[in-house]
């Protein structure tokens, strides 16, 4: 178990005053056997109305409507969590399904339907060709295949940090040979759906005590979850070749990256020049107490 403190600061600045529509905030993990939220503080400016709900996927969502006019919007989420990872090496797979086709029980398949259907086009077949190049033998166990694909993306694509913009189309990531964490996660999700796997996009944070070769620390992070018989939803981070790692701190899951944006909303008026700054800090909670 690791006890961590997470501080996520977001600041929008506008050249001219604007007013705000309701914003959707995905900043708080849902309590589970893997994560316990011990403390949570949300600080916003300008002030406004907040309402907490669970969405259709069970994500904890804050609906925040800032009041009045302002040339800035500040949102700071501070969390103290306890993370209880399940080491993948300790998990037993009683039914080692072969990589393709993977078989889901009828009851599971009915629930998993939204995560089985690809959400993007592959008009030129680039994604499918790439996928065929990395398919293993007909009897390769599913978990071995997923770990190998996770490692392949990490080893063969160039990481290029990009703070702004939507996730690239997976076919474009294949052509480019490069991307950021959300691009690699989305590539893995959409590739696996084409093989009949139920896969979903995950957004959250990355704890990197040593930094070094860890990619994506200091910002929000994204990875992939795959539903496997006997194991359930299983985490794979192709950006760092991690699987079911305690360094991954999930906040929200979604069918597509657009549905997992940490902060989304609209403004009214002509803002002129705009600027966005985001800072994320994840560290052991005890280290801050000792410093104090």
Protein backbone atom coordinates (compact mmCIF):
# COMPACT_ATOMS: atom_id res chain seq x y z
CA UNK A 1 0.00 0.00 0.00
CA UNK A 2 1.22 3.50 -0.85
CA UNK A 3 -0.22 6.67 0.68
CA UNK A 4 0.06 9.51 -1.84
CA UNK A 5 -0.77 13.20 -2.04
CA UNK A 6 -1.85 14.53 -5.44
CA UNK A 7 -2.09 18.20 -6.37
CA UNK A 8 -3.54 19.03 -9.79
CA UNK A 9 -3.58 22.74 -10.69
CA UNK A 10 -5.31 24.10 -13.80
CA UNK A 11 -5.46 27.77 -14.75
CA UNK A 12 -7.15 29.33 -17.78
CA UNK A 13 -6.46 33.01 -18.52
CA UNK A 14 -8.34 35.22 -20.98
CA UNK A 15 -7.48 38.59 -22.47
CA UNK A 16 -11.05 39.82 -21.96
CA UNK A 17 -13.70 38.90 -19.37
CA UNK A 18 -15.93 35.94 -20.14
CA UNK A 19 -18.78 34.09 -18.46
CA UNK A 20 -18.93 30.34 -18.03
CA UNK A 21 -21.16 27.40 -18.83
CA UNK A 22 -21.17 24.34 -16.57
CA UNK A 23 -17.82 22.54 -16.54
CA UNK A 24 -17.40 18.78 -16.11
CA UNK A 25 -14.54 17.84 -13.79
CA UNK A 26 -13.06 14.32 -13.67
CA UNK A 27 -10.58 14.85 -10.85
CA UNK A 28 -11.57 12.47 -8.06
CA UNK A 29 -11.09 8.68 -8.17
CA UNK A 30 -13.96 6.50 -7.09
CA UNK A 31 -13.29 4.63 -3.85
CA UNK A 32 -12.63 0.94 -4.48
CA UNK A 33 -10.58 -2.01 -3.24
CA UNK A 34 -7.66 -0.55 -5.24
CA UNK A 35 -7.93 3.11 -4.16
CA UNK A 36 -9.21 4.77 -1.00
CA UNK A 37 -9.73 8.52 -1.02
CA UNK A 38 -8.66 9.68 2.45
CA UNK A 39 -9.03 13.42 1.84
CA UNK A 40 -10.23 15.57 -1.05
CA UNK A 41 -10.27 19.36 -1.40
CA UNK A 42 -11.43 21.19 -4.53
CA UNK A 43 -10.59 24.91 -4.72
CA UNK A 44 -12.10 27.01 -7.52
CA UNK A 45 -12.01 30.65 -8.58
CA UNK A 46 -14.28 32.34 -9.41
CA UNK A 47 -16.61 30.56 -6.99
CA UNK A 48 -19.71 28.85 -8.25
CA UNK A 49 -22.19 26.03 -7.84
CA UNK A 50 -20.90 22.46 -7.58
CA UNK A 51 -22.82 19.21 -7.80
CA UNK A 52 -21.33 15.71 -7.60
CA UNK A 53 -22.73 12.79 -9.58
CA UNK A 54 -21.73 9.33 -10.81
CA UNK A 55 -21.88 9.05 -14.59
CA UNK A 56 -22.97 5.99 -16.60
CA UNK A 57 -19.57 4.33 -16.10
CA UNK A 58 -19.41 5.01 -12.37
CA UNK A 59 -16.95 7.89 -12.63
CA UNK A 60 -17.13 10.55 -9.92
CA UNK A 61 -18.01 13.79 -11.73
CA UNK A 62 -18.17 17.34 -10.38
CA UNK A 63 -20.50 19.63 -12.33
CA UNK A 64 -19.14 23.12 -11.67
CA UNK A 65 -20.74 26.37 -12.87
CA UNK A 66 -18.51 29.42 -12.21
CA UNK A 67 -20.48 32.58 -11.39
CA UNK A 68 -20.06 36.04 -12.91
CA UNK A 69 -17.47 37.41 -15.32
CA UNK A 70 -13.74 36.78 -15.04
CA UNK A 71 -10.49 36.91 -16.97
CA UNK A 72 -9.37 33.65 -15.41
CA UNK A 73 -10.55 30.27 -14.18
CA UNK A 74 -8.55 28.40 -11.54
CA UNK A 75 -9.29 24.81 -10.49
CA UNK A 76 -7.09 23.02 -7.95
CA UNK A 77 -7.74 19.46 -6.80
CA UNK A 78 -5.86 18.13 -3.77
CA UNK A 79 -6.17 14.46 -2.86
CA UNK A 80 -4.73 12.10 -0.31
CA UNK A 81 -5.19 8.50 -1.41
CA UNK A 82 -4.15 5.02 -0.43
CA UNK A 83 -3.27 2.84 -3.41
CA UNK A 84 -3.57 -0.96 -3.14
CA UNK A 85 -2.15 -2.44 -6.37
CA UNK A 86 -2.64 -6.06 -7.41
CA UNK A 87 0.63 -7.42 -8.74
CA UNK A 88 -0.14 -9.03 -12.08
CA UNK A 89 2.48 -11.71 -11.44
CA UNK A 90 0.45 -12.90 -8.44
CA UNK A 91 -2.84 -13.20 -10.32
CA UNK A 92 -3.80 -16.66 -11.48
CA UNK A 93 -5.53 -17.15 -14.83
CA UNK A 94 -7.58 -20.32 -14.57
CA UNK A 95 -8.81 -20.05 -18.15
CA UNK A 96 -5.82 -18.93 -20.27
CA UNK A 97 -7.73 -17.85 -23.35
CA UNK A 98 -5.75 -17.76 -26.56
CA UNK A 99 -5.11 -14.29 -27.93
CA UNK A 100 -7.68 -14.56 -30.72
CA UNK A 101 -10.50 -15.08 -30.60
CA UNK A 102 -10.96 -14.32 -26.92
CA UNK A 103 -14.26 -15.65 -25.57
CA UNK A 104 -16.44 -13.73 -23.11
CA UNK A 105 -19.37 -15.16 -21.19
CA UNK A 106 -22.73 -13.97 -22.64
CA UNK A 107 -23.53 -11.91 -19.53
CA UNK A 108 -20.14 -10.19 -19.69
CA UNK A 109 -20.40 -9.57 -23.44
CA UNK A 110 -23.74 -7.77 -22.99
CA UNK A 111 -22.18 -5.32 -20.52
CA UNK A 112 -18.93 -4.99 -22.48
CA UNK A 113 -20.60 -4.20 -25.82
CA UNK A 114 -19.67 -0.46 -25.88
CA UNK A 115 -16.00 -1.36 -25.39
CA UNK A 116 -15.87 -4.01 -28.11
CA UNK A 117 -16.77 -1.80 -31.06
CA UNK A 118 -13.98 0.34 -32.60
CA UNK A 119 -14.73 4.07 -32.49
CA UNK A 120 -12.33 5.18 -35.24
CA UNK A 121 -11.88 4.55 -38.96
CA UNK A 122 -8.89 2.87 -40.56
CA UNK A 123 -9.58 3.80 -44.17
CA UNK A 124 -6.09 3.04 -45.49
CA UNK A 125 -5.64 -0.08 -43.39
CA UNK A 126 -2.52 1.24 -41.64
CA UNK A 127 -3.66 0.20 -38.18
CA UNK A 128 -4.69 -3.28 -39.33
CA UNK A 129 -1.38 -3.83 -41.14
CA UNK A 130 0.55 -2.74 -38.08
CA UNK A 131 -1.52 -5.05 -35.90
CA UNK A 132 -0.96 -8.05 -38.18
CA UNK A 133 2.80 -7.49 -38.00
CA UNK A 134 2.68 -7.94 -34.23
CA UNK A 135 0.28 -10.85 -33.93
CA UNK A 136 1.78 -13.93 -32.33
CA UNK A 137 1.04 -17.60 -32.81
CA UNK A 138 -2.49 -18.93 -32.90
CA UNK A 139 -2.22 -20.38 -29.40
CA UNK A 140 -0.42 -17.53 -27.64
CA UNK A 141 -2.19 -16.91 -24.29
CA UNK A 142 -4.10 -13.64 -24.18
CA UNK A 143 -2.17 -12.21 -21.23
CA UNK A 144 1.18 -12.94 -22.89
CA UNK A 145 0.00 -11.28 -26.09
CA UNK A 146 -1.20 -8.17 -24.25
CA UNK A 147 2.04 -7.80 -22.33
CA UNK A 148 4.00 -8.19 -25.56
CA UNK A 149 1.88 -5.61 -27.41
CA UNK A 150 2.20 -3.24 -24.46
CA UNK A 151 5.99 -3.60 -24.61
CA UNK A 152 6.06 -3.29 -28.41
CA UNK A 153 4.34 0.10 -28.38
CA UNK A 154 6.75 1.30 -25.72
CA UNK A 155 9.80 0.07 -27.63
CA UNK A 156 8.91 1.07 -31.19
CA UNK A 157 7.14 4.43 -30.89
CA UNK A 158 8.83 7.71 -30.00
CA UNK A 159 7.38 9.56 -27.01
CA UNK A 160 6.67 13.22 -27.75
CA UNK A 161 5.04 15.22 -24.95
CA UNK A 162 2.06 17.33 -26.03
CA UNK A 163 0.04 19.24 -23.45
CA UNK A 164 -2.80 20.40 -25.69
CA UNK A 165 -5.01 18.81 -28.30
CA UNK A 166 -7.08 15.68 -28.65
CA UNK A 167 -5.68 12.18 -28.95
CA UNK A 168 -4.45 11.35 -32.44
CA UNK A 169 -6.33 8.89 -34.61
CA UNK A 170 -4.61 5.51 -34.06
CA UNK A 171 -3.87 5.16 -37.78
CA UNK A 172 -2.11 8.54 -37.67
CA UNK A 173 -0.02 7.43 -34.68
CA UNK A 174 1.07 4.36 -36.66
CA UNK A 175 2.04 6.52 -39.66
CA UNK A 176 3.84 9.07 -37.50
CA UNK A 177 5.60 6.51 -35.30
CA UNK A 178 5.33 8.91 -32.37
CA UNK A 179 2.89 10.34 -29.88
CA UNK A 180 2.14 11.08 -26.27
CA UNK A 181 0.56 8.90 -23.58
CA UNK A 182 -3.03 9.46 -24.72
CA UNK A 183 -2.06 8.57 -28.31
CA UNK A 184 -0.42 5.30 -27.27
CA UNK A 185 -3.30 4.38 -24.95
CA UNK A 186 -5.85 5.08 -27.69
CA UNK A 187 -3.80 3.09 -30.21
CA UNK A 188 -3.80 0.06 -27.93
CA UNK A 189 -7.51 0.38 -27.14
CA UNK A 190 -8.59 0.59 -30.79
CA UNK A 191 -6.16 -2.11 -31.95
CA UNK A 192 -7.46 -4.56 -29.36
CA UNK A 193 -11.09 -3.84 -30.17
CA UNK A 194 -10.37 -4.94 -33.73
CA UNK A 195 -9.28 -8.30 -32.31
CA UNK A 196 -12.43 -8.74 -30.24
CA UNK A 197 -11.11 -7.53 -26.90
CA UNK A 198 -13.15 -5.25 -24.64
CA UNK A 199 -10.86 -2.27 -24.02
CA UNK A 200 -11.37 1.19 -22.56
CA UNK A 201 -9.46 4.44 -22.15
CA UNK A 202 -8.26 5.47 -18.68
CA UNK A 203 -7.16 8.87 -17.44
CA UNK A 204 -5.44 9.55 -14.15
CA UNK A 205 -2.04 10.22 -12.66
CA UNK A 206 1.39 8.62 -12.69
CA UNK A 207 3.49 8.30 -9.55
CA UNK A 208 7.15 8.39 -10.54
CA UNK A 209 9.39 8.39 -7.45
CA UNK A 210 12.60 8.14 -9.47
CA UNK A 211 11.48 9.74 -12.76
CA UNK A 212 14.36 8.55 -14.97
CA UNK A 213 12.87 6.64 -17.90
CA UNK A 214 9.27 7.15 -16.76
CA UNK A 215 7.32 9.05 -19.41
CA UNK A 216 4.40 11.32 -18.66
CA UNK A 217 5.13 12.25 -15.04
CA UNK A 218 4.21 15.77 -13.93
CA UNK A 219 0.97 15.83 -15.93
CA UNK A 220 -2.24 13.87 -16.25
CA UNK A 221 -1.61 10.42 -17.69
CA UNK A 222 -3.54 7.96 -19.86
CA UNK A 223 -3.46 4.20 -20.36
CA UNK A 224 -5.57 1.23 -21.42
CA UNK A 225 -7.70 -1.29 -19.55
CA UNK A 226 -8.61 -4.66 -21.05
CA UNK A 227 -11.29 -6.99 -19.72
CA UNK A 228 -9.98 -10.54 -19.32
CA UNK A 229 -11.82 -13.63 -18.10
CA UNK A 230 -10.72 -14.47 -14.53
CA UNK A 231 -8.84 -11.15 -14.17
CA UNK A 232 -11.52 -8.56 -14.99
CA UNK A 233 -10.40 -5.07 -16.01
CA UNK A 234 -6.60 -5.15 -16.25
CA UNK A 235 -4.33 -2.10 -16.65
CA UNK A 236 -1.75 -1.74 -19.42
CA UNK A 237 0.33 1.42 -19.86
CA UNK A 238 2.06 1.22 -23.26
CA UNK A 239 3.82 4.55 -22.67
CA UNK A 240 5.91 3.01 -19.89
CA UNK A 241 5.38 -0.74 -20.48
CA UNK A 242 3.63 -1.04 -17.10
CA UNK A 243 0.88 -3.52 -16.25
CA UNK A 244 -1.22 -3.46 -13.07
CA UNK A 245 1.32 -1.11 -11.51
CA UNK A 246 0.86 0.78 -8.26
CA UNK A 247 2.37 3.78 -10.05
CA UNK A 248 -0.86 4.13 -12.06
CA UNK A 249 -3.58 6.09 -10.27
CA UNK A 250 -6.85 5.82 -12.24
CA UNK A 251 -9.39 8.62 -11.98
CA UNK A 252 -11.88 7.94 -14.78
CA UNK A 253 -12.63 5.41 -17.52
CA UNK A 254 -14.32 6.05 -20.85
CA UNK A 255 -15.11 4.59 -24.25
CA UNK A 256 -13.09 7.33 -26.01
CA UNK A 257 -10.45 9.88 -24.96
CA UNK A 258 -12.88 12.76 -25.56
CA UNK A 259 -15.15 11.37 -22.83
CA UNK A 260 -12.28 11.22 -20.34
CA UNK A 261 -11.07 14.83 -20.49
CA UNK A 262 -10.22 15.87 -16.90
CA UNK A 263 -11.78 19.35 -17.32
CA UNK A 264 -14.25 20.23 -20.06
CA UNK A 265 -16.69 23.09 -20.52
CA UNK A 266 -17.54 26.21 -22.49
CA UNK A 267 -17.23 29.96 -22.10
CA UNK A 268 -19.44 32.79 -23.38
CA UNK A 269 -18.03 35.91 -24.99
CA UNK A 270 -14.93 36.85 -26.95
CA UNK A 271 -11.93 35.91 -24.77
CA UNK A 272 -9.26 37.28 -27.09
CA UNK A 273 -5.91 35.65 -26.41
CA UNK A 274 -6.14 32.63 -24.10
CA UNK A 275 -3.65 30.58 -22.16
CA UNK A 276 -3.80 27.29 -20.27
CA UNK A 277 -1.34 26.04 -17.67
CA UNK A 278 -1.52 22.67 -15.91
CA UNK A 279 0.70 21.28 -13.17
CA UNK A 280 0.44 17.89 -11.48
CA UNK A 281 2.47 16.78 -8.48
CA UNK A 282 2.27 13.27 -6.99
CA UNK A 283 4.37 12.38 -3.96
CA UNK A 284 4.22 10.30 -0.79
CA UNK A 285 1.89 11.94 1.73
CA UNK A 286 4.37 11.29 4.55
CA UNK A 287 7.10 13.32 2.83
CA UNK A 288 5.03 16.50 3.01
CA UNK A 289 4.18 15.90 6.67
CA UNK A 290 7.87 15.44 7.45
CA UNK A 291 8.76 18.65 5.62
CA UNK A 292 6.17 20.58 7.61
